[in-house]
């Protein structure tokens, strides 16, 4: 994975976008645990946006190669 951008969510998790690996990583800074999510499409995002207007943790990733906006929603 080639990390490019990172942003904390409101539960203290840090979301990391990749540069060309088709994965998004979630890191728990307290425990050091990491979880990688394989994206269903070719993906290359250079920004991570945490949406403050949703009930569940919602992450938005702009997919620059396919002109898409990807939403990841994690149930609380």
PDB file of N, CA and C in Angstrom:
ATOM      1  N   UNK A   1       0.848  -1.177   0.000  1.00  0.00           N
ATOM      2  CA  UNK A   1       0.000   0.000   0.000  1.00  0.00           C
ATOM      3  C   UNK A   1       0.890   1.235   0.000  1.00  0.00           C
ATOM      4  N   UNK A   2       0.505   2.207  -0.772  1.00  0.00           N
ATOM      5  CA  UNK A   2       1.222   3.483  -0.834  1.00  0.00           C
ATOM      6  C   UNK A   2       0.333   4.564  -0.238  1.00  0.00           C
ATOM      7  N   UNK A   3       0.445   4.839   1.079  1.00  0.00           N
ATOM      8  CA  UNK A   3      -0.421   5.843   1.699  1.00  0.00           C
ATOM      9  C   UNK A   3      -0.226   7.214   1.074  1.00  0.00           C
ATOM     10  N   UNK A   4      -1.327   7.930   0.949  1.00  0.00           N
ATOM     11  CA  UNK A   4      -1.245   9.265   0.361  1.00  0.00           C
ATOM     12  C   UNK A   4      -1.854  10.318   1.278  1.00  0.00           C
ATOM     13  N   UNK A   5      -3.060  10.061   1.782  1.00  0.00           N
ATOM     14  CA  UNK A   5      -3.737  11.029   2.651  1.00  0.00           C
ATOM     15  C   UNK A   5      -4.375  10.290   3.814  1.00  0.00           C
ATOM     16  N   UNK A   6      -4.559  10.998   4.918  1.00  0.00           N
ATOM     17  CA  UNK A   6      -5.174  10.396   6.098  1.00  0.00           C
ATOM     18  C   UNK A   6      -6.101  11.406   6.760  1.00  0.00           C
ATOM     19  N   UNK A   7      -7.148  10.877   7.413  1.00  0.00           N
ATOM     20  CA  UNK A   7      -8.082  11.737   8.143  1.00  0.00           C
ATOM     21  C   UNK A   7      -8.683  10.938   9.294  1.00  0.00           C
ATOM     22  N   UNK A   8      -8.794  11.538  10.486  1.00  0.00           N
ATOM     23  CA  UNK A   8      -9.427  10.854  11.612  1.00  0.00           C
ATOM     24  C   UNK A   8     -10.946  10.946  11.513  1.00  0.00           C
ATOM     25  N   UNK A   9     -11.620   9.893  11.975  1.00  0.00           N
ATOM     26  CA  UNK A   9     -13.077   9.968  12.062  1.00  0.00           C
ATOM     27  C   UNK A   9     -13.461  10.348  13.490  1.00  0.00           C
ATOM     28  N   UNK A  10     -14.744  10.343  13.777  1.00  0.00           N
ATOM     29  CA  UNK A  10     -15.216  10.823  15.069  1.00  0.00           C
ATOM     30  C   UNK A  10     -15.163   9.767  16.154  1.00  0.00           C
ATOM     31  N   UNK A  11     -14.734   8.530  15.789  1.00  0.00           N
ATOM     32  CA  UNK A  11     -14.528   7.476  16.769  1.00  0.00           C
ATOM     33  C   UNK A  11     -13.048   7.303  17.088  1.00  0.00           C
ATOM     34  N   UNK A  12     -12.193   8.159  16.525  1.00  0.00           N
ATOM     35  CA  UNK A  12     -10.765   8.090  16.790  1.00  0.00           C
ATOM     36  C   UNK A  12      -9.988   7.208  15.830  1.00  0.00           C
ATOM     37  N   UNK A  13     -10.666   6.598  14.855  1.00  0.00           N
ATOM     38  CA  UNK A  13      -9.986   5.789  13.851  1.00  0.00           C
ATOM     39  C   UNK A  13      -9.385   6.717  12.799  1.00  0.00           C
ATOM     40  N   UNK A  14      -8.290   6.298  12.190  1.00  0.00           N
ATOM     41  CA  UNK A  14      -7.669   7.088  11.135  1.00  0.00           C
ATOM     42  C   UNK A  14      -7.842   6.326   9.821  1.00  0.00           C
ATOM     43  N   UNK A  15      -8.380   7.007   8.820  1.00  0.00           N
ATOM     44  CA  UNK A  15      -8.606   6.423   7.498  1.00  0.00           C
ATOM     45  C   UNK A  15      -7.509   6.903   6.565  1.00  0.00           C
ATOM     46  N   UNK A  16      -6.925   5.980   5.808  1.00  0.00           N
ATOM     47  CA  UNK A  16      -5.796   6.292   4.935  1.00  0.00           C
ATOM     48  C   UNK A  16      -6.144   5.869   3.513  1.00  0.00           C
ATOM     49  N   UNK A  17      -6.011   6.800   2.579  1.00  0.00           N
ATOM     50  CA  UNK A  17      -6.230   6.455   1.169  1.00  0.00           C
ATOM     51  C   UNK A  17      -4.898   6.040   0.565  1.00  0.00           C
ATOM     52  N   UNK A  18      -4.982   5.298  -0.520  1.00  0.00           N
ATOM     53  CA  UNK A  18      -3.771   4.813  -1.161  1.00  0.00           C
ATOM     54  C   UNK A  18      -3.579   5.470  -2.516  1.00  0.00           C
ATOM     55  N   UNK A  19      -2.409   5.326  -3.005  1.00  0.00           N
ATOM     56  CA  UNK A  19      -2.068   5.846  -4.315  1.00  0.00           C
ATOM     57  C   UNK A  19      -1.808   4.652  -5.232  1.00  0.00           C
ATOM     58  N   UNK A  20      -2.879   4.079  -5.773  1.00  0.00           N
ATOM     59  CA  UNK A  20      -2.741   3.015  -6.751  1.00  0.00           C
ATOM     60  C   UNK A  20      -2.757   1.594  -6.229  1.00  0.00           C
ATOM     61  N   UNK A  21      -3.185   1.338  -4.981  1.00  0.00           N
ATOM     62  CA  UNK A  21      -3.188  -0.046  -4.489  1.00  0.00           C
ATOM     63  C   UNK A  21      -4.582  -0.652  -4.397  1.00  0.00           C
ATOM     64  N   UNK A  22      -5.625   0.095  -4.726  1.00  0.00           N
ATOM     65  CA  UNK A  22      -7.005  -0.378  -4.674  1.00  0.00           C
ATOM     66  C   UNK A  22      -7.461  -0.743  -3.261  1.00  0.00           C
ATOM     67  N   UNK A  23      -6.846  -0.133  -2.251  1.00  0.00           N
ATOM     68  CA  UNK A  23      -7.205  -0.414  -0.867  1.00  0.00           C
ATOM     69  C   UNK A  23      -7.339   0.880  -0.063  1.00  0.00           C
ATOM     70  N   UNK A  24      -8.170   0.797   0.979  1.00  0.00           N
ATOM     71  CA  UNK A  24      -8.289   1.857   1.977  1.00  0.00           C
ATOM     72  C   UNK A  24      -7.952   1.206   3.306  1.00  0.00           C
ATOM     73  N   UNK A  25      -7.223   1.909   4.155  1.00  0.00           N
ATOM     74  CA  UNK A  25      -6.824   1.339   5.431  1.00  0.00           C
ATOM     75  C   UNK A  25      -7.461   2.127   6.570  1.00  0.00           C
ATOM     76  N   UNK A  26      -7.892   1.380   7.588  1.00  0.00           N
ATOM     77  CA  UNK A  26      -8.385   2.002   8.821  1.00  0.00           C
ATOM     78  C   UNK A  26      -7.420   1.622   9.940  1.00  0.00           C
ATOM     79  N   UNK A  27      -6.943   2.611  10.664  1.00  0.00           N
ATOM     80  CA  UNK A  27      -5.964   2.386  11.717  1.00  0.00           C
ATOM     81  C   UNK A  27      -6.545   2.828  13.051  1.00  0.00           C
ATOM     82  N   UNK A  28      -6.402   1.968  14.060  1.00  0.00           N
ATOM     83  CA  UNK A  28      -6.760   2.337  15.422  1.00  0.00           C
ATOM     84  C   UNK A  28      -5.474   2.802  16.095  1.00  0.00           C
ATOM     85  N   UNK A  29      -5.294   4.103  16.319  1.00  0.00           N
ATOM     86  CA  UNK A  29      -4.034   4.588  16.875  1.00  0.00           C
ATOM     87  C   UNK A  29      -3.782   4.151  18.316  1.00  0.00           C
ATOM     88  N   UNK A  30      -4.840   3.772  19.035  1.00  0.00           N
ATOM     89  CA  UNK A  30      -4.676   3.325  20.414  1.00  0.00           C
ATOM     90  C   UNK A  30      -4.052   1.939  20.481  1.00  0.00           C
ATOM     91  N   UNK A  31      -4.550   1.022  19.633  1.00  0.00           N
ATOM     92  CA  UNK A  31      -4.074  -0.366  19.671  1.00  0.00           C
ATOM     93  C   UNK A  31      -3.053  -0.686  18.587  1.00  0.00           C
ATOM     94  N   UNK A  32      -2.984   0.156  17.556  1.00  0.00           N
ATOM     95  CA  UNK A  32      -2.098  -0.128  16.428  1.00  0.00           C
ATOM     96  C   UNK A  32      -2.695  -1.083  15.417  1.00  0.00           C
ATOM     97  N   UNK A  33      -3.927  -1.529  15.662  1.00  0.00           N
ATOM     98  CA  UNK A  33      -4.592  -2.463  14.739  1.00  0.00           C
ATOM     99  C   UNK A  33      -4.897  -1.760  13.417  1.00  0.00           C
ATOM    100  N   UNK A  34      -4.648  -2.460  12.320  1.00  0.00           N
ATOM    101  CA  UNK A  34      -4.972  -1.936  11.001  1.00  0.00           C
ATOM    102  C   UNK A  34      -5.907  -2.901  10.286  1.00  0.00           C
ATOM    103  N   UNK A  35      -6.742  -2.341   9.458  1.00  0.00           N
ATOM    104  CA  UNK A  35      -7.677  -3.121   8.660  1.00  0.00           C
ATOM    105  C   UNK A  35      -7.680  -2.541   7.263  1.00  0.00           C
ATOM    106  N   UNK A  36      -7.443  -3.384   6.262  1.00  0.00           N
ATOM    107  CA  UNK A  36      -7.447  -2.930   4.881  1.00  0.00           C
ATOM    108  C   UNK A  36      -8.739  -3.348   4.207  1.00  0.00           C
ATOM    109  N   UNK A  37      -9.305  -2.438   3.437  1.00  0.00           N
ATOM    110  CA  UNK A  37     -10.511  -2.701   2.666  1.00  0.00           C
ATOM    111  C   UNK A  37     -10.132  -2.703   1.187  1.00  0.00           C
ATOM    112  N   UNK A  38     -10.364  -3.822   0.527  1.00  0.00           N
ATOM    113  CA  UNK A  38     -10.139  -3.904  -0.911  1.00  0.00           C
ATOM    114  C   UNK A  38     -11.330  -3.269  -1.607  1.00  0.00           C
ATOM    115  N   UNK A  39     -11.071  -2.304  -2.452  1.00  0.00           N
ATOM    116  CA  UNK A  39     -12.136  -1.592  -3.146  1.00  0.00           C
ATOM    117  C   UNK A  39     -12.629  -2.429  -4.326  1.00  0.00           C
ATOM    118  N   UNK A  40     -13.915  -2.339  -4.662  1.00  0.00           N
ATOM    119  CA  UNK A  40     -14.475  -3.167  -5.740  1.00  0.00           C
ATOM    120  C   UNK A  40     -14.128  -2.684  -7.144  1.00  0.00           C
ATOM    121  N   UNK A  41     -13.534  -1.492  -7.252  1.00  0.00           N
ATOM    122  CA  UNK A  41     -13.149  -0.947  -8.559  1.00  0.00           C
ATOM    123  C   UNK A  41     -11.720  -0.426  -8.453  1.00  0.00           C
ATOM    124  N   UNK A  42     -11.092  -0.245  -9.603  1.00  0.00           N
ATOM    125  CA  UNK A  42      -9.775   0.386  -9.618  1.00  0.00           C
ATOM    126  C   UNK A  42      -9.913   1.761  -8.990  1.00  0.00           C
ATOM    127  N   UNK A  43      -9.023   2.075  -8.076  1.00  0.00           N
ATOM    128  CA  UNK A  43      -9.216   3.275  -7.274  1.00  0.00           C
ATOM    129  C   UNK A  43      -7.875   3.931  -6.975  1.00  0.00           C
ATOM    130  N   UNK A  44      -7.833   5.230  -7.038  1.00  0.00           N
ATOM    131  CA  UNK A  44      -6.641   6.004  -6.712  1.00  0.00           C
ATOM    132  C   UNK A  44      -7.109   7.352  -6.169  1.00  0.00           C
ATOM    133  N   UNK A  45      -7.159   7.465  -4.849  1.00  0.00           N
ATOM    134  CA  UNK A  45      -7.658   8.695  -4.214  1.00  0.00           C
ATOM    135  C   UNK A  45      -6.529   9.403  -3.494  1.00  0.00           C
ATOM    136  N   UNK A  46      -6.530  10.708  -3.606  1.00  0.00           N
ATOM    137  CA  UNK A  46      -5.514  11.507  -2.933  1.00  0.00           C
ATOM    138  C   UNK A  46      -6.120  12.381  -1.842  1.00  0.00           C
ATOM    139  N   UNK A  47      -7.319  12.007  -1.427  1.00  0.00           N
ATOM    140  CA  UNK A  47      -7.987  12.757  -0.372  1.00  0.00           C
ATOM    141  C   UNK A  47      -8.939  11.821   0.366  1.00  0.00           C
ATOM    142  N   UNK A  48      -9.113  12.067   1.648  1.00  0.00           N
ATOM    143  CA  UNK A  48     -10.066  11.335   2.481  1.00  0.00           C
ATOM    144  C   UNK A  48     -10.927  12.390   3.167  1.00  0.00           C
ATOM    145  N   UNK A  49     -12.252  12.260   3.055  1.00  0.00           N
ATOM    146  CA  UNK A  49     -13.159  13.214   3.685  1.00  0.00           C
ATOM    147  C   UNK A  49     -14.085  12.450   4.622  1.00  0.00           C
ATOM    148  N   UNK A  50     -14.104  12.844   5.888  1.00  0.00           N
ATOM    149  CA  UNK A  50     -15.023  12.268   6.868  1.00  0.00           C
ATOM    150  C   UNK A  50     -16.265  13.153   6.886  1.00  0.00           C
ATOM    151  N   UNK A  51     -17.421  12.539   6.672  1.00  0.00           N
ATOM    152  CA  UNK A  51     -18.683  13.273   6.578  1.00  0.00           C
ATOM    153  C   UNK A  51     -19.282  13.479   7.970  1.00  0.00           C
ATOM    154  N   UNK A  52     -19.353  14.722   8.457  1.00  0.00           N
ATOM    155  CA  UNK A  52     -19.885  14.968   9.794  1.00  0.00           C
ATOM    156  C   UNK A  52     -21.411  14.967   9.860  1.00  0.00           C
ATOM    157  N   UNK A  53     -22.083  14.871   8.722  1.00  0.00           N
ATOM    158  CA  UNK A  53     -23.538  15.004   8.706  1.00  0.00           C
ATOM    159  C   UNK A  53     -24.281  13.671   8.781  1.00  0.00           C
ATOM    160  N   UNK A  54     -23.577  12.566   8.944  1.00  0.00           N
ATOM    161  CA  UNK A  54     -24.232  11.258   8.933  1.00  0.00           C
ATOM    162  C   UNK A  54     -24.216  10.609  10.310  1.00  0.00           C
ATOM    163  N   UNK A  55     -25.166   9.708  10.537  1.00  0.00           N
ATOM    164  CA  UNK A  55     -25.266   9.002  11.812  1.00  0.00           C
ATOM    165  C   UNK A  55     -24.136   7.996  11.976  1.00  0.00           C
ATOM    166  N   UNK A  56     -23.823   7.259  10.896  1.00  0.00           N
ATOM    167  CA  UNK A  56     -22.731   6.283  10.908  1.00  0.00           C
ATOM    168  C   UNK A  56     -21.467   6.946  10.377  1.00  0.00           C
ATOM    169  N   UNK A  57     -20.323   6.374  10.726  1.00  0.00           N
ATOM    170  CA  UNK A  57     -19.075   6.878  10.164  1.00  0.00           C
ATOM    171  C   UNK A  57     -19.125   6.715   8.651  1.00  0.00           C
ATOM    172  N   UNK A  58     -18.995   7.815   7.944  1.00  0.00           N
ATOM    173  CA  UNK A  58     -19.050   7.798   6.482  1.00  0.00           C
ATOM    174  C   UNK A  58     -17.814   8.512   5.944  1.00  0.00           C
ATOM    175  N   UNK A  59     -17.133   7.815   5.037  1.00  0.00           N
ATOM    176  CA  UNK A  59     -15.920   8.325   4.426  1.00  0.00           C
ATOM    177  C   UNK A  59     -16.175   8.503   2.937  1.00  0.00           C
ATOM    178  N   UNK A  60     -15.745   9.626   2.390  1.00  0.00           N
ATOM    179  CA  UNK A  60     -15.851   9.895   0.956  1.00  0.00           C
ATOM    180  C   UNK A  60     -14.455   9.915   0.350  1.00  0.00           C
ATOM    181  N   UNK A  61     -14.309   9.239  -0.785  1.00  0.00           N
ATOM    182  CA  UNK A  61     -13.029   9.170  -1.485  1.00  0.00           C
ATOM    183  C   UNK A  61     -13.237   9.540  -2.946  1.00  0.00           C
ATOM    184  N   UNK A  62     -12.582  10.559  -3.426  1.00  0.00           N
ATOM    185  CA  UNK A  62     -12.673  10.869  -4.858  1.00  0.00           C
ATOM    186  C   UNK A  62     -11.752   9.927  -5.637  1.00  0.00           C
ATOM    187  N   UNK A  63     -12.309   9.215  -6.589  1.00  0.00           N
ATOM    188  CA  UNK A  63     -11.542   8.296  -7.420  1.00  0.00           C
ATOM    189  C   UNK A  63     -11.159   9.031  -8.693  1.00  0.00           C
ATOM    190  N   UNK A  64      -9.954   9.560  -8.712  1.00  0.00           N
ATOM    191  CA  UNK A  64      -9.544  10.444  -9.805  1.00  0.00           C
ATOM    192  C   UNK A  64      -9.432   9.740 -11.152  1.00  0.00           C
ATOM    193  N   UNK A  65      -9.147   8.451 -11.170  1.00  0.00           N
ATOM    194  CA  UNK A  65      -8.950   7.749 -12.443  1.00  0.00           C
ATOM    195  C   UNK A  65     -10.251   7.420 -13.165  1.00  0.00           C
ATOM    196  N   UNK A  66     -11.325   7.207 -12.416  1.00  0.00           N
ATOM    197  CA  UNK A  66     -12.602   6.840 -13.030  1.00  0.00           C
ATOM    198  C   UNK A  66     -13.661   7.915 -12.846  1.00  0.00           C
ATOM    199  N   UNK A  67     -13.277   9.078 -12.378  1.00  0.00           N
ATOM    200  CA  UNK A  67     -14.209  10.195 -12.161  1.00  0.00           C
ATOM    201  C   UNK A  67     -15.408   9.755 -11.320  1.00  0.00           C
ATOM    202  N   UNK A  68     -15.113   9.128 -10.177  1.00  0.00           N
ATOM    203  CA  UNK A  68     -16.150   8.643  -9.276  1.00  0.00           C
ATOM    204  C   UNK A  68     -15.954   9.245  -7.888  1.00  0.00           C
ATOM    205  N   UNK A  69     -17.016   9.212  -7.113  1.00  0.00           N
ATOM    206  CA  UNK A  69     -16.964   9.556  -5.710  1.00  0.00           C
ATOM    207  C   UNK A  69     -17.412   8.311  -4.958  1.00  0.00           C
ATOM    208  N   UNK A  70     -16.531   7.757  -4.139  1.00  0.00           N
ATOM    209  CA  UNK A  70     -16.801   6.493  -3.435  1.00  0.00           C
ATOM    210  C   UNK A  70     -17.185   6.801  -2.005  1.00  0.00           C
ATOM    211  N   UNK A  71     -18.256   6.147  -1.540  1.00  0.00           N
ATOM    212  CA  UNK A  71     -18.706   6.301  -0.146  1.00  0.00           C
ATOM    213  C   UNK A  71     -18.469   5.001   0.583  1.00  0.00           C
ATOM    214  N   UNK A  72     -17.856   5.091   1.762  1.00  0.00           N
ATOM    215  CA  UNK A  72     -17.704   3.960   2.673  1.00  0.00           C
ATOM    216  C   UNK A  72     -18.482   4.303   3.920  1.00  0.00           C
ATOM    217  N   UNK A  73     -19.426   3.459   4.294  1.00  0.00           N
ATOM    218  CA  UNK A  73     -20.211   3.687   5.507  1.00  0.00           C
ATOM    219  C   UNK A  73     -19.985   2.528   6.458  1.00  0.00           C
ATOM    220  N   UNK A  74     -19.590   2.858   7.689  1.00  0.00           N
ATOM    221  CA  UNK A  74     -19.295   1.847   8.698  1.00  0.00           C
ATOM    222  C   UNK A  74     -20.365   1.934   9.778  1.00  0.00           C
ATOM    223  N   UNK A  75     -21.127   0.852   9.997  1.00  0.00           N
ATOM    224  CA  UNK A  75     -22.151   0.899  11.056  1.00  0.00           C
ATOM    225  C   UNK A  75     -21.512   1.045  12.421  1.00  0.00           C
ATOM    226  N   UNK A  76     -22.145   1.820  13.282  1.00  0.00           N
ATOM    227  CA  UNK A  76     -21.626   1.998  14.652  1.00  0.00           C
ATOM    228  C   UNK A  76     -22.050   0.856  15.538  1.00  0.00           C
TER     229      UNK A  76
END
